[in-house]
Amino acid sequence: MTTGTSASAPPRTRPRIRLRPFAIGIGILIVLAVGANFGYNYWRDSTLYVTTDDALVDSNMVPVAASGTGTLLVWRMKPGERVRTGQVIGVIRPSPSAAAPESLNVQAPVDGTVLRVDGEEGQFVGAAQPLAYVADLDHLTITAYIDETAIHKIQPGQQVDVTVDASGSTIYQGTVKEILPATASQFALLQTIDRTTANFTKVTQRVEVHIDLGSTTNSRLYPGESAYVRIHI
């Protein structure tokens, strides 16, 4: 009978998990998910909406004009103040040689908020010279420019979602009010397209669309702010 120590069995090793193929697979799935989400959003937006980021908050800004020629003797306007139609906000004293030497009142042309003031007491002003600008901030609108290739999908009364850069993700609801029957380039002082030469380059024209926001009292919207528009079609 032989005695001896049996050779010990080699230790078992755990199978190594290969992380690289697993990570690559996860990365591919993430890319596919992002692409699918982007594709779905693009399909949804192009099918259900007409969108543009070429839009701004607009107002019926009205100039306060001098009622005659002379010296601005009294001036009671500051930016941000509210005025009423017909409110006396300044007095002009005509020059001694004027046919009617009586003082002239400067009155607010509309109800609204003073946006800008150009007049100063003691300043010599001419008749109809703009001294300030007033706008009704309680009834602001959106002016949007829509590509001519999509304008046939737009008509008055359609619902509109509006976001303004200054207000973050806040969504303002509006409706299409009117569509100007000409492209925006027709109103430009300098035409950017010359069709009389052989170097003509076709560019997509844009049509101006006005959007009614209803009451904008206390909305903290200001004329001229950039906006993004999504029109339901």
Protein backbone atom coordinates (compact mmCIF):
# COMPACT_ATOMS: atom_id res chain seq x y z
CA MET A 1 0.00 0.00 0.00
CA THR A 2 1.53 3.21 -1.07
CA THR A 3 0.98 6.36 0.77
CA GLY A 4 1.47 9.84 -0.54
CA THR A 5 -0.05 13.22 -0.84
CA SER A 6 -2.36 13.67 -3.77
CA ALA A 7 -1.68 16.66 -5.97
CA SER A 8 -3.99 19.53 -5.12
CA ALA A 9 -6.48 20.56 -7.83
CA PRO A 10 -5.73 23.91 -9.53
CA PRO A 11 -7.97 26.79 -8.28
CA ARG A 12 -11.01 27.55 -10.39
CA THR A 13 -10.98 30.89 -12.15
CA ARG A 14 -14.12 32.93 -12.81
CA PRO A 15 -14.90 33.65 -16.40
CA ARG A 16 -13.93 37.24 -17.28
CA ILE A 17 -16.73 39.53 -18.33
CA ARG A 18 -15.76 41.46 -21.40
CA LEU A 19 -16.94 45.01 -20.74
CA ARG A 20 -15.89 46.56 -24.01
CA PRO A 21 -18.45 44.82 -26.26
CA PHE A 22 -21.10 45.48 -23.61
CA ALA A 23 -20.25 49.21 -23.50
CA ILE A 24 -20.22 49.41 -27.28
CA GLY A 25 -23.65 47.77 -27.40
CA ILE A 26 -25.05 50.25 -24.85
CA GLY A 27 -23.55 53.15 -26.79
CA ILE A 28 -25.17 51.94 -30.03
CA LEU A 29 -28.55 51.61 -28.30
CA ILE A 30 -28.26 55.17 -26.93
CA VAL A 31 -27.38 56.55 -30.37
CA LEU A 32 -30.30 54.71 -31.94
CA ALA A 33 -32.67 55.96 -29.23
CA VAL A 34 -31.54 59.57 -29.68
CA GLY A 35 -31.81 59.28 -33.46
CA ALA A 36 -35.28 57.75 -33.21
CA ASN A 37 -36.44 60.49 -30.85
CA PHE A 38 -35.04 63.19 -33.13
CA GLY A 39 -36.65 61.58 -36.16
CA TYR A 40 -40.01 61.29 -34.42
CA ASN A 41 -39.92 64.91 -33.26
CA TYR A 42 -38.97 66.06 -36.76
CA TRP A 43 -41.80 64.02 -38.31
CA ARG A 44 -44.29 65.28 -35.72
CA ASP A 45 -43.30 68.92 -36.10
CA SER A 46 -43.30 68.79 -39.90
CA THR A 47 -46.67 67.00 -39.98
CA LEU A 48 -48.60 68.75 -37.22
CA TYR A 49 -46.99 72.20 -37.09
CA VAL A 50 -45.38 74.99 -39.06
CA THR A 51 -42.55 76.44 -37.00
CA THR A 52 -40.19 79.40 -37.20
CA ASP A 53 -37.70 81.10 -34.93
CA ASP A 54 -37.78 84.22 -37.12
CA ALA A 55 -40.38 85.95 -34.95
CA LEU A 56 -40.60 88.77 -32.44
CA VAL A 57 -42.92 90.42 -29.94
CA ASP A 58 -44.60 93.40 -31.62
CA SER A 59 -46.73 96.36 -30.57
CA ASN A 60 -48.68 99.27 -31.99
CA MET A 61 -46.00 101.81 -31.07
CA VAL A 62 -47.27 105.36 -31.58
CA PRO A 63 -45.10 108.52 -31.60
CA VAL A 64 -45.98 111.48 -29.38
CA ALA A 65 -45.57 114.39 -31.78
CA ALA A 66 -44.96 118.06 -31.00
CA SER A 67 -48.15 120.06 -31.49
CA GLY A 68 -46.27 123.05 -32.91
CA THR A 69 -42.93 124.81 -33.25
CA GLY A 70 -41.36 126.39 -30.19
CA THR A 71 -39.68 125.66 -26.87
CA LEU A 72 -40.68 122.60 -24.86
CA LEU A 73 -41.54 124.49 -21.70
CA VAL A 74 -43.01 121.61 -19.65
CA TRP A 75 -42.38 117.91 -20.15
CA ARG A 76 -43.95 115.26 -17.89
CA MET A 77 -42.97 111.91 -19.42
CA LYS A 78 -40.63 109.18 -18.22
CA PRO A 79 -40.05 105.67 -19.62
CA GLY A 80 -42.34 103.11 -18.00
CA GLU A 81 -45.10 105.58 -17.09
CA ARG A 82 -48.67 104.86 -18.16
CA VAL A 83 -50.67 107.55 -19.97
CA ARG A 84 -54.25 107.99 -21.14
CA THR A 85 -55.51 109.26 -24.47
CA GLY A 86 -55.68 113.06 -24.41
CA GLN A 87 -53.64 113.41 -21.21
CA VAL A 88 -51.58 116.63 -21.24
CA ILE A 89 -47.95 115.59 -20.84
CA GLY A 90 -46.14 118.69 -22.08
CA VAL A 91 -46.43 122.34 -23.02
CA ILE A 92 -44.79 124.11 -25.95
CA ARG A 93 -44.25 127.87 -25.89
CA PRO A 94 -44.23 129.22 -29.45
CA SER A 95 -41.64 131.76 -30.51
CA PRO A 96 -42.68 135.44 -30.11
CA SER A 97 -42.97 135.82 -33.87
CA ALA A 98 -45.51 133.01 -34.16
CA ALA A 99 -48.95 133.86 -35.50
CA ALA A 100 -50.57 132.26 -32.44
CA PRO A 101 -48.33 132.94 -29.41
CA GLU A 102 -50.52 130.95 -26.98
CA SER A 103 -48.95 127.90 -25.38
CA LEU A 104 -49.66 124.54 -27.02
CA ASN A 105 -50.43 121.37 -25.11
CA VAL A 106 -48.75 118.08 -26.00
CA GLN A 107 -51.21 115.23 -25.46
CA ALA A 108 -50.85 111.45 -25.29
CA PRO A 109 -52.19 109.96 -28.55
CA VAL A 110 -53.28 106.57 -27.09
CA ASP A 111 -53.64 104.68 -23.83
CA GLY A 112 -50.41 102.86 -23.09
CA THR A 113 -46.93 102.81 -21.58
CA VAL A 114 -44.11 105.19 -22.42
CA LEU A 115 -41.33 103.19 -24.10
CA ARG A 116 -38.86 105.91 -25.02
CA VAL A 117 -38.47 109.65 -24.40
CA ASP A 118 -36.55 111.94 -26.75
CA GLY A 119 -37.85 115.33 -25.60
CA GLU A 120 -36.30 117.49 -22.87
CA GLU A 121 -37.50 120.63 -21.15
CA GLY A 122 -36.01 123.73 -22.75
CA GLN A 123 -35.50 121.97 -26.09
CA PHE A 124 -36.56 123.74 -29.28
CA VAL A 125 -38.87 121.45 -31.25
CA GLY A 126 -40.50 121.54 -34.66
CA ALA A 127 -44.09 120.78 -35.50
CA ALA A 128 -44.84 117.03 -35.67
CA GLN A 129 -41.38 116.17 -34.28
CA PRO A 130 -41.49 112.86 -32.32
CA LEU A 131 -40.87 113.55 -28.63
CA ALA A 132 -41.62 110.07 -27.24
CA TYR A 133 -43.15 106.71 -28.12
CA VAL A 134 -46.10 104.99 -26.47
CA ALA A 135 -47.31 101.39 -26.86
CA ASP A 136 -50.19 99.35 -25.50
CA LEU A 137 -48.36 96.60 -23.60
CA ASP A 138 -51.67 95.04 -22.59
CA HIS A 139 -52.32 93.86 -26.16
CA LEU A 140 -49.02 92.77 -27.68
CA THR A 141 -48.83 90.61 -30.80
CA ILE A 142 -46.28 88.36 -32.48
CA THR A 143 -44.90 89.03 -35.94
CA ALA A 144 -43.57 85.83 -37.52
CA TYR A 145 -41.99 85.21 -40.92
CA ILE A 146 -43.02 81.92 -42.56
CA ASP A 147 -41.30 80.29 -45.54
CA GLU A 148 -43.24 80.69 -48.79
CA THR A 149 -43.14 76.89 -49.18
CA ALA A 150 -45.27 76.48 -46.03
CA ILE A 151 -47.48 79.57 -46.10
CA HIS A 152 -50.28 77.67 -47.89
CA LYS A 153 -50.76 75.67 -44.67
CA ILE A 154 -51.49 78.82 -42.64
CA GLN A 155 -54.86 80.49 -42.27
CA PRO A 156 -56.44 82.91 -39.78
CA GLY A 157 -57.79 81.33 -36.61
CA GLN A 158 -55.21 78.56 -36.26
CA GLN A 159 -53.87 77.93 -32.75
CA VAL A 160 -50.30 79.01 -32.06
CA ASP A 161 -47.81 78.13 -29.29
CA VAL A 162 -45.30 80.90 -28.62
CA THR A 163 -42.18 80.89 -26.48
CA VAL A 164 -40.05 83.98 -25.94
CA ASP A 165 -36.31 83.77 -25.34
CA ALA A 166 -36.51 86.14 -22.37
CA SER A 167 -39.24 84.04 -20.66
CA GLY A 168 -37.62 80.63 -20.97
CA SER A 169 -40.03 77.70 -21.34
CA THR A 170 -43.21 79.71 -20.66
CA ILE A 171 -45.73 78.99 -23.44
CA TYR A 172 -48.07 81.77 -24.58
CA GLN A 173 -51.20 80.77 -26.48
CA GLY A 174 -52.27 82.75 -29.52
CA THR A 175 -54.13 82.58 -32.82
CA VAL A 176 -53.21 83.55 -36.35
CA LYS A 177 -54.73 87.00 -36.90
CA GLU A 178 -53.73 87.87 -40.47
CA ILE A 179 -51.35 86.98 -43.28
CA LEU A 180 -49.83 89.78 -45.33
CA PRO A 181 -50.47 89.15 -49.05
CA ALA A 182 -46.86 89.78 -50.10
CA THR A 183 -43.40 88.57 -49.15
CA ALA A 184 -41.37 90.54 -46.64
CA SER A 185 -38.81 91.43 -49.30
CA GLN A 186 -41.41 93.56 -51.10
CA PHE A 187 -41.35 96.01 -48.18
CA ALA A 188 -37.56 96.23 -47.91
CA LEU A 189 -36.01 99.62 -48.66
CA LEU A 190 -33.17 97.92 -50.52
CA GLN A 191 -34.06 94.94 -52.69
CA THR A 192 -31.66 92.03 -52.13
CA ILE A 193 -32.57 90.18 -55.32
CA ASP A 194 -31.84 91.43 -58.81
CA ARG A 195 -33.80 89.39 -61.34
CA THR A 196 -32.55 91.43 -64.27
CA THR A 197 -29.11 89.78 -64.36
CA ALA A 198 -27.93 86.31 -65.23
CA ASN A 199 -26.45 85.95 -61.73
CA PHE A 200 -29.85 85.48 -60.13
CA THR A 201 -29.79 83.12 -57.15
CA LYS A 202 -33.10 81.72 -55.98
CA VAL A 203 -33.75 82.11 -52.26
CA THR A 204 -36.74 81.11 -50.19
CA GLN A 205 -38.92 84.14 -49.54
CA ARG A 206 -40.81 84.71 -46.29
CA VAL A 207 -44.31 85.96 -45.64
CA GLU A 208 -45.23 88.08 -42.63
CA VAL A 209 -47.84 86.58 -40.31
CA HIS A 210 -49.43 88.39 -37.35
CA ILE A 211 -50.42 86.41 -34.25
CA ASP A 212 -52.86 87.66 -31.62
CA LEU A 213 -51.90 86.85 -28.01
CA GLY A 214 -55.05 88.27 -26.45
CA SER A 215 -54.50 90.12 -23.18
CA THR A 216 -50.81 90.45 -22.24
CA THR A 217 -51.34 92.45 -19.05
CA ASN A 218 -48.58 91.65 -16.50
CA SER A 219 -47.01 89.18 -18.94
CA ARG A 220 -43.60 90.92 -18.72
CA LEU A 221 -43.27 90.75 -22.49
CA TYR A 222 -41.53 93.63 -24.23
CA PRO A 223 -41.69 94.75 -27.87
CA GLY A 224 -38.79 93.47 -29.93
CA GLU A 225 -38.03 90.31 -27.94
CA SER A 226 -37.15 87.23 -29.98
CA ALA A 227 -39.78 84.48 -30.14
CA TYR A 228 -40.27 80.92 -31.40
CA VAL A 229 -43.61 80.10 -33.03
CA ARG A 230 -45.35 76.76 -33.56
CA ILE A 231 -48.56 76.98 -35.59
CA HIS A 232 -50.99 74.05 -35.40
CA ILE A 233 -52.09 72.94 -38.89
